[in-house]
PDB file of N, CA and C in Angstrom:
ATOM      1  N   MET A   1     -23.651  41.877 -19.350  1.00  0.00           N
ATOM      2  CA  MET A   1     -23.617  41.481 -20.739  1.00  0.00           C
ATOM      3  C   MET A   1     -24.038  40.011 -20.817  1.00  0.00           C
ATOM      4  N   ASP A   2     -24.984  39.694 -21.709  1.00  0.00           N
ATOM      5  CA  ASP A   2     -25.453  38.317 -21.824  1.00  0.00           C
ATOM      6  C   ASP A   2     -24.437  37.472 -22.603  1.00  0.00           C
ATOM      7  N   LEU A   3     -24.618  36.170 -22.574  1.00  0.00           N
ATOM      8  CA  LEU A   3     -23.667  35.240 -23.176  1.00  0.00           C
ATOM      9  C   LEU A   3     -23.515  35.464 -24.676  1.00  0.00           C
ATOM     10  N   GLN A   4     -24.612  35.668 -25.375  1.00  0.00           N
ATOM     11  CA  GLN A   4     -24.553  35.868 -26.825  1.00  0.00           C
ATOM     12  C   GLN A   4     -23.727  37.110 -27.176  1.00  0.00           C
ATOM     13  N   THR A   5     -23.929  38.181 -26.450  1.00  0.00           N
ATOM     14  CA  THR A   5     -23.169  39.408 -26.682  1.00  0.00           C
ATOM     15  C   THR A   5     -21.689  39.189 -26.383  1.00  0.00           C
ATOM     16  N   ARG A   6     -21.399  38.483 -25.307  1.00  0.00           N
ATOM     17  CA  ARG A   6     -20.005  38.179 -24.954  1.00  0.00           C
ATOM     18  C   ARG A   6     -19.333  37.360 -26.039  1.00  0.00           C
ATOM     19  N   LYS A   7     -20.041  36.371 -26.603  1.00  0.00           N
ATOM     20  CA  LYS A   7     -19.460  35.546 -27.662  1.00  0.00           C
ATOM     21  C   LYS A   7     -19.160  36.378 -28.912  1.00  0.00           C
ATOM     22  N   ILE A   8     -20.085  37.232 -29.282  1.00  0.00           N
ATOM     23  CA  ILE A   8     -19.882  38.087 -30.460  1.00  0.00           C
ATOM     24  C   ILE A   8     -18.688  39.011 -30.240  1.00  0.00           C
ATOM     25  N   THR A   9     -18.615  39.604 -29.061  1.00  0.00           N
ATOM     26  CA  THR A   9     -17.499  40.496 -28.739  1.00  0.00           C
ATOM     27  C   THR A   9     -16.175  39.735 -28.783  1.00  0.00           C
ATOM     28  N   PHE A  10     -16.171  38.531 -28.235  1.00  0.00           N
ATOM     29  CA  PHE A  10     -14.960  37.707 -28.232  1.00  0.00           C
ATOM     30  C   PHE A  10     -14.529  37.372 -29.655  1.00  0.00           C
ATOM     31  N   VAL A  11     -15.468  36.958 -30.484  1.00  0.00           N
ATOM     32  CA  VAL A  11     -15.147  36.603 -31.872  1.00  0.00           C
ATOM     33  C   VAL A  11     -14.599  37.819 -32.615  1.00  0.00           C
ATOM     34  N   GLN A  12     -15.206  38.967 -32.418  1.00  0.00           N
ATOM     35  CA  GLN A  12     -14.718  40.179 -33.081  1.00  0.00           C
ATOM     36  C   GLN A  12     -13.285  40.480 -32.649  1.00  0.00           C
ATOM     37  N   GLU A  13     -13.014  40.370 -31.370  1.00  0.00           N
ATOM     38  CA  GLU A  13     -11.668  40.615 -30.859  1.00  0.00           C
ATOM     39  C   GLU A  13     -10.689  39.559 -31.387  1.00  0.00           C
ATOM     40  N   PHE A  14     -11.134  38.324 -31.433  1.00  0.00           N
ATOM     41  CA  PHE A  14     -10.299  37.235 -31.946  1.00  0.00           C
ATOM     42  C   PHE A  14      -9.923  37.475 -33.406  1.00  0.00           C
ATOM     43  N   LEU A  15     -10.868  37.924 -34.197  1.00  0.00           N
ATOM     44  CA  LEU A  15     -10.605  38.161 -35.617  1.00  0.00           C
ATOM     45  C   LEU A  15      -9.603  39.289 -35.844  1.00  0.00           C
ATOM     46  N   ARG A  16      -9.459  40.167 -34.880  1.00  0.00           N
ATOM     47  CA  ARG A  16      -8.493  41.266 -34.992  1.00  0.00           C
ATOM     48  C   ARG A  16      -7.067  40.828 -34.641  1.00  0.00           C
ATOM     49  N   LEU A  17      -6.928  39.661 -34.007  1.00  0.00           N
ATOM     50  CA  LEU A  17      -5.610  39.207 -33.571  1.00  0.00           C
ATOM     51  C   LEU A  17      -4.694  38.945 -34.755  1.00  0.00           C
ATOM     52  N   GLN A  18      -3.433  39.325 -34.592  1.00  0.00           N
ATOM     53  CA  GLN A  18      -2.417  39.084 -35.606  1.00  0.00           C
ATOM     54  C   GLN A  18      -1.264  38.258 -35.042  1.00  0.00           C
ATOM     55  N   ASN A  19      -1.320  37.933 -33.759  1.00  0.00           N
ATOM     56  CA  ASN A  19      -0.243  37.229 -33.083  1.00  0.00           C
ATOM     57  C   ASN A  19      -0.543  35.727 -33.040  1.00  0.00           C
ATOM     58  N   GLU A  20       0.291  34.954 -33.724  1.00  0.00           N
ATOM     59  CA  GLU A  20       0.065  33.511 -33.807  1.00  0.00           C
ATOM     60  C   GLU A  20       0.196  32.825 -32.451  1.00  0.00           C
ATOM     61  N   ASP A  21       1.073  33.340 -31.589  1.00  0.00           N
ATOM     62  CA  ASP A  21       1.232  32.748 -30.255  1.00  0.00           C
ATOM     63  C   ASP A  21      -0.049  32.874 -29.439  1.00  0.00           C
ATOM     64  N   ILE A  22      -0.696  34.010 -29.525  1.00  0.00           N
ATOM     65  CA  ILE A  22      -1.954  34.210 -28.786  1.00  0.00           C
ATOM     66  C   ILE A  22      -3.026  33.280 -29.346  1.00  0.00           C
ATOM     67  N   ILE A  23      -3.109  33.179 -30.654  1.00  0.00           N
ATOM     68  CA  ILE A  23      -4.111  32.301 -31.274  1.00  0.00           C
ATOM     69  C   ILE A  23      -3.858  30.851 -30.875  1.00  0.00           C
ATOM     70  N   SER A  24      -2.599  30.423 -30.912  1.00  0.00           N
ATOM     71  CA  SER A  24      -2.263  29.049 -30.503  1.00  0.00           C
ATOM     72  C   SER A  24      -2.630  28.818 -29.045  1.00  0.00           C
ATOM     73  N   GLY A  25      -2.345  29.790 -28.199  1.00  0.00           N
ATOM     74  CA  GLY A  25      -2.690  29.671 -26.785  1.00  0.00           C
ATOM     75  C   GLY A  25      -4.186  29.556 -26.568  1.00  0.00           C
ATOM     76  N   LEU A  26      -4.954  30.351 -27.299  1.00  0.00           N
ATOM     77  CA  LEU A  26      -6.413  30.289 -27.183  1.00  0.00           C
ATOM     78  C   LEU A  26      -6.949  28.946 -27.687  1.00  0.00           C
ATOM     79  N   GLU A  27      -6.366  28.432 -28.770  1.00  0.00           N
ATOM     80  CA  GLU A  27      -6.780  27.118 -29.280  1.00  0.00           C
ATOM     81  C   GLU A  27      -6.524  26.035 -28.246  1.00  0.00           C
ATOM     82  N   LYS A  28      -5.337  26.067 -27.637  1.00  0.00           N
ATOM     83  CA  LYS A  28      -4.999  25.064 -26.616  1.00  0.00           C
ATOM     84  C   LYS A  28      -5.923  25.176 -25.408  1.00  0.00           C
ATOM     85  N   LEU A  29      -6.183  26.407 -24.995  1.00  0.00           N
ATOM     86  CA  LEU A  29      -7.068  26.626 -23.859  1.00  0.00           C
ATOM     87  C   LEU A  29      -8.475  26.108 -24.151  1.00  0.00           C
ATOM     88  N   LEU A  30      -8.965  26.396 -25.345  1.00  0.00           N
ATOM     89  CA  LEU A  30     -10.299  25.933 -25.729  1.00  0.00           C
ATOM     90  C   LEU A  30     -10.374  24.409 -25.708  1.00  0.00           C
ATOM     91  N   GLN A  31      -9.394  23.747 -26.312  1.00  0.00           N
ATOM     92  CA  GLN A  31      -9.389  22.285 -26.334  1.00  0.00           C
ATOM     93  C   GLN A  31      -9.292  21.706 -24.926  1.00  0.00           C
ATOM     94  N   LYS A  32      -8.453  22.310 -24.086  1.00  0.00           N
ATOM     95  CA  LYS A  32      -8.284  21.834 -22.713  1.00  0.00           C
ATOM     96  C   LYS A  32      -9.591  21.954 -21.933  1.00  0.00           C
ATOM     97  N   ARG A  33     -10.228  23.105 -22.022  1.00  0.00           N
ATOM     98  CA  ARG A  33     -11.476  23.329 -21.272  1.00  0.00           C
ATOM     99  C   ARG A  33     -12.600  22.427 -21.774  1.00  0.00           C
ATOM    100  N   LYS A  34     -12.686  22.253 -23.112  1.00  0.00           N
ATOM    101  CA  LYS A  34     -13.710  21.372 -23.658  1.00  0.00           C
ATOM    102  C   LYS A  34     -13.489  19.945 -23.169  1.00  0.00           C
ATOM    103  N   SER A  35     -12.240  19.514 -23.140  1.00  0.00           N
ATOM    104  CA  SER A  35     -11.907  18.180 -22.659  1.00  0.00           C
ATOM    105  C   SER A  35     -12.262  18.025 -21.180  1.00  0.00           C
ATOM    106  N   GLU A  36     -11.936  19.034 -20.387  1.00  0.00           N
ATOM    107  CA  GLU A  36     -12.259  19.000 -18.956  1.00  0.00           C
ATOM    108  C   GLU A  36     -13.760  18.912 -18.730  1.00  0.00           C
ATOM    109  N   LEU A  37     -14.524  19.708 -19.466  1.00  0.00           N
ATOM    110  CA  LEU A  37     -15.984  19.685 -19.312  1.00  0.00           C
ATOM    111  C   LEU A  37     -16.563  18.342 -19.745  1.00  0.00           C
ATOM    112  N   TYR A  38     -16.032  17.798 -20.834  1.00  0.00           N
ATOM    113  CA  TYR A  38     -16.500  16.495 -21.316  1.00  0.00           C
ATOM    114  C   TYR A  38     -16.236  15.425 -20.262  1.00  0.00           C
ATOM    115  N   LYS A  39     -15.029  15.406 -19.714  1.00  0.00           N
ATOM    116  CA  LYS A  39     -14.679  14.411 -18.697  1.00  0.00           C
ATOM    117  C   LYS A  39     -15.541  14.577 -17.445  1.00  0.00           C
ATOM    118  N   LYS A  40     -15.840  15.817 -17.100  1.00  0.00           N
ATOM    119  CA  LYS A  40     -16.657  16.094 -15.917  1.00  0.00           C
ATOM    120  C   LYS A  40     -18.075  15.535 -16.072  1.00  0.00           C
ATOM    121  N   GLU A  41     -18.584  15.549 -17.324  1.00  0.00           N
ATOM    122  CA  GLU A  41     -19.947  15.092 -17.574  1.00  0.00           C
ATOM    123  C   GLU A  41     -20.042  13.587 -17.796  1.00  0.00           C
ATOM    124  N   LEU A  42     -18.898  12.917 -17.982  1.00  0.00           N
ATOM    125  CA  LEU A  42     -18.925  11.469 -18.172  1.00  0.00           C
ATOM    126  C   LEU A  42     -19.358  10.779 -16.894  1.00  0.00           C
ATOM    127  N   LYS A  43     -20.185   9.785 -17.069  1.00  0.00           N
ATOM    128  CA  LYS A  43     -20.623   9.003 -15.930  1.00  0.00           C
ATOM    129  C   LYS A  43     -20.450   7.525 -16.283  1.00  0.00           C
ATOM    130  N   PRO A  44     -19.760   6.785 -15.440  1.00  0.00           N
ATOM    131  CA  PRO A  44     -19.571   5.370 -15.755  1.00  0.00           C
ATOM    132  C   PRO A  44     -20.904   4.628 -15.712  1.00  0.00           C
ATOM    133  N   MET A  45     -21.033   3.661 -16.622  1.00  0.00           N
ATOM    134  CA  MET A  45     -22.265   2.885 -16.589  1.00  0.00           C
ATOM    135  C   MET A  45     -22.172   1.854 -15.476  1.00  0.00           C
ATOM    136  N   ASP A  46     -23.314   1.483 -14.949  1.00  0.00           N
ATOM    137  CA  ASP A  46     -23.305   0.480 -13.895  1.00  0.00           C
ATOM    138  C   ASP A  46     -23.163  -0.910 -14.521  1.00  0.00           C
ATOM    139  N   LEU A  47     -22.897  -1.885 -13.691  1.00  0.00           N
ATOM    140  CA  LEU A  47     -22.627  -3.244 -14.161  1.00  0.00           C
ATOM    141  C   LEU A  47     -23.821  -3.826 -14.914  1.00  0.00           C
ATOM    142  N   LYS A  48     -25.030  -3.524 -14.459  1.00  0.00           N
ATOM    143  CA  LYS A  48     -26.225  -4.038 -15.127  1.00  0.00           C
ATOM    144  C   LYS A  48     -26.322  -3.491 -16.558  1.00  0.00           C
ATOM    145  N   GLN A  49     -26.121  -2.203 -16.722  1.00  0.00           N
ATOM    146  CA  GLN A  49     -26.176  -1.602 -18.054  1.00  0.00           C
ATOM    147  C   GLN A  49     -25.062  -2.164 -18.934  1.00  0.00           C
ATOM    148  N   PHE A  50     -23.869  -2.318 -18.373  1.00  0.00           N
ATOM    149  CA  PHE A  50     -22.740  -2.881 -19.102  1.00  0.00           C
ATOM    150  C   PHE A  50     -23.078  -4.283 -19.619  1.00  0.00           C
ATOM    151  N   ASN A  51     -23.612  -5.118 -18.738  1.00  0.00           N
ATOM    152  CA  ASN A  51     -23.980  -6.480 -19.144  1.00  0.00           C
ATOM    153  C   ASN A  51     -25.107  -6.478 -20.172  1.00  0.00           C
ATOM    154  N   ASN A  52     -26.072  -5.579 -20.031  1.00  0.00           N
ATOM    155  CA  ASN A  52     -27.153  -5.475 -21.013  1.00  0.00           C
ATOM    156  C   ASN A  52     -26.614  -5.116 -22.391  1.00  0.00           C
ATOM    157  N   GLU A  53     -25.655  -4.208 -22.433  1.00  0.00           N
ATOM    158  CA  GLU A  53     -25.083  -3.816 -23.719  1.00  0.00           C
ATOM    159  C   GLU A  53     -24.288  -4.955 -24.348  1.00  0.00           C
ATOM    160  N   ILE A  54     -23.590  -5.726 -23.533  1.00  0.00           N
ATOM    161  CA  ILE A  54     -22.880  -6.904 -24.047  1.00  0.00           C
ATOM    162  C   ILE A  54     -23.882  -7.911 -24.585  1.00  0.00           C
ATOM    163  N   ASP A  55     -24.943  -8.167 -23.836  1.00  0.00           N
ATOM    164  CA  ASP A  55     -25.980  -9.107 -24.299  1.00  0.00           C
ATOM    165  C   ASP A  55     -26.591  -8.645 -25.613  1.00  0.00           C
ATOM    166  N   GLN A  56     -26.852  -7.354 -25.732  1.00  0.00           N
ATOM    167  CA  GLN A  56     -27.433  -6.810 -26.958  1.00  0.00           C
ATOM    168  C   GLN A  56     -26.471  -6.980 -28.125  1.00  0.00           C
ATOM    169  N   ALA A  57     -25.192  -6.723 -27.892  1.00  0.00           N
ATOM    170  CA  ALA A  57     -24.184  -6.875 -28.949  1.00  0.00           C
ATOM    171  C   ALA A  57     -24.081  -8.328 -29.401  1.00  0.00           C
ATOM    172  N   LEU A  58     -24.096  -9.235 -28.456  1.00  0.00           N
ATOM    173  CA  LEU A  58     -24.038 -10.653 -28.814  1.00  0.00           C
ATOM    174  C   LEU A  58     -25.276 -11.075 -29.591  1.00  0.00           C
ATOM    175  N   ASP A  59     -26.437 -10.594 -29.166  1.00  0.00           N
ATOM    176  CA  ASP A  59     -27.679 -10.899 -29.871  1.00  0.00           C
ATOM    177  C   ASP A  59     -27.658 -10.324 -31.290  1.00  0.00           C
ATOM    178  N   ASP A  60     -27.190  -9.110 -31.429  1.00  0.00           N
ATOM    179  CA  ASP A  60     -27.083  -8.503 -32.762  1.00  0.00           C
ATOM    180  C   ASP A  60     -26.157  -9.326 -33.654  1.00  0.00           C
ATOM    181  N   SER A  61     -25.058  -9.785 -33.092  1.00  0.00           N
ATOM    182  CA  SER A  61     -24.107 -10.579 -33.873  1.00  0.00           C
ATOM    183  C   SER A  61     -24.723 -11.916 -34.295  1.00  0.00           C
ATOM    184  N   GLU A  62     -25.389 -12.576 -33.370  1.00  0.00           N
ATOM    185  CA  GLU A  62     -26.007 -13.875 -33.670  1.00  0.00           C
ATOM    186  C   GLU A  62     -27.127 -13.762 -34.693  1.00  0.00           C
ATOM    187  N   ASN A  63     -27.772 -12.607 -34.779  1.00  0.00           N
ATOM    188  CA  ASN A  63     -28.902 -12.415 -35.682  1.00  0.00           C
ATOM    189  C   ASN A  63     -28.558 -11.541 -36.892  1.00  0.00           C
ATOM    190  N   ASP A  64     -27.267 -11.470 -37.213  1.00  0.00           N
ATOM    191  CA  ASP A  64     -26.784 -10.745 -38.398  1.00  0.00           C
ATOM    192  C   ASP A  64     -27.264  -9.294 -38.459  1.00  0.00           C
ATOM    193  N   ARG A  65     -27.276  -8.628 -37.329  1.00  0.00           N
ATOM    194  CA  ARG A  65     -27.618  -7.206 -37.300  1.00  0.00           C
ATOM    195  C   ARG A  65     -26.354  -6.379 -37.073  1.00  0.00           C
ATOM    196  N   ILE A  66     -25.314  -6.739 -37.802  1.00  0.00           N
ATOM    197  CA  ILE A  66     -24.047  -6.022 -37.704  1.00  0.00           C
ATOM    198  C   ILE A  66     -23.569  -5.692 -39.110  1.00  0.00           C
ATOM    199  N   ILE A  67     -22.615  -4.796 -39.190  1.00  0.00           N
ATOM    200  CA  ILE A  67     -22.019  -4.442 -40.476  1.00  0.00           C
ATOM    201  C   ILE A  67     -20.506  -4.569 -40.324  1.00  0.00           C
ATOM    202  N   LYS A  68     -19.877  -5.163 -41.313  1.00  0.00           N
ATOM    203  CA  LYS A  68     -18.426  -5.328 -41.269  1.00  0.00           C
ATOM    204  C   LYS A  68     -17.763  -3.957 -41.390  1.00  0.00           C
ATOM    205  N   ALA A  69     -16.606  -3.831 -40.773  1.00  0.00           N
ATOM    206  CA  ALA A  69     -15.879  -2.555 -40.792  1.00  0.00           C
ATOM    207  C   ALA A  69     -15.556  -2.124 -42.217  1.00  0.00           C
ATOM    208  N   THR A  70     -15.208  -3.072 -43.072  1.00  0.00           N
ATOM    209  CA  THR A  70     -14.890  -2.719 -44.461  1.00  0.00           C
ATOM    210  C   THR A  70     -16.114  -2.170 -45.184  1.00  0.00           C
ATOM    211  N   ASN A  71     -17.282  -2.755 -44.936  1.00  0.00           N
ATOM    212  CA  ASN A  71     -18.514  -2.258 -45.555  1.00  0.00           C
ATOM    213  C   ASN A  71     -18.873  -0.873 -45.020  1.00  0.00           C
ATOM    214  N   LEU A  72     -18.676  -0.687 -43.732  1.00  0.00           N
ATOM    215  CA  LEU A  72     -18.953   0.615 -43.128  1.00  0.00           C
ATOM    216  C   LEU A  72     -18.029   1.682 -43.717  1.00  0.00           C
ATOM    217  N   LYS A  73     -16.749   1.324 -43.869  1.00  0.00           N
ATOM    218  CA  LYS A  73     -15.793   2.264 -44.445  1.00  0.00           C
ATOM    219  C   LYS A  73     -16.210   2.645 -45.860  1.00  0.00           C
ATOM    220  N   SER A  74     -16.662   1.679 -46.647  1.00  0.00           N
ATOM    221  CA  SER A  74     -17.110   1.971 -48.006  1.00  0.00           C
ATOM    222  C   SER A  74     -18.306   2.919 -48.003  1.00  0.00           C
ATOM    223  N   LYS A  75     -19.245   2.704 -47.099  1.00  0.00           N
ATOM    224  CA  LYS A  75     -20.412   3.585 -47.013  1.00  0.00           C
ATOM    225  C   LYS A  75     -19.998   5.007 -46.624  1.00  0.00           C
ATOM    226  N   ILE A  76     -19.088   5.109 -45.686  1.00  0.00           N
ATOM    227  CA  ILE A  76     -18.636   6.415 -45.222  1.00  0.00           C
ATOM    228  C   ILE A  76     -17.928   7.163 -46.335  1.00  0.00           C
ATOM    229  N   GLU A  77     -17.116   6.453 -47.109  1.00  0.00           N
ATOM    230  CA  GLU A  77     -16.405   7.098 -48.211  1.00  0.00           C
ATOM    231  C   GLU A  77     -17.349   7.670 -49.265  1.00  0.00           C
ATOM    232  N   LYS A  78     -18.532   7.118 -49.390  1.00  0.00           N
ATOM    233  CA  LYS A  78     -19.515   7.606 -50.350  1.00  0.00           C
ATOM    234  C   LYS A  78     -20.224   8.874 -49.876  1.00  0.00           C
ATOM    235  N   TRP A  79     -20.102   9.209 -48.580  1.00  0.00           N
ATOM    236  CA  TRP A  79     -20.744  10.390 -48.032  1.00  0.00           C
ATOM    237  C   TRP A  79     -20.172  11.669 -48.602  1.00  0.00           C
ATOM    238  N   THR A  80     -18.877  11.652 -48.945  1.00  0.00           N
ATOM    239  CA  THR A  80     -18.232  12.894 -49.408  1.00  0.00           C
ATOM    240  C   THR A  80     -18.239  13.030 -50.901  1.00  0.00           C
TER     241      THR A  80
END
């Protein structure tokens, strides 16, 4: 069975569930596995990249290429 078929079958079975404990368990399992996969794919940046990003941030700040948090919050609130 291919992945797409397995997902459809799983969703159909999930929609038939009436037990809240099973649903809660599946939610926790999903979040745990997603977190594990995310952490597994994280790669620390090297010192050169870290310093380059700091230099870029300082340059952006010195040249007014930043936005204040309050202004950003106002823009975000307008999205909805």
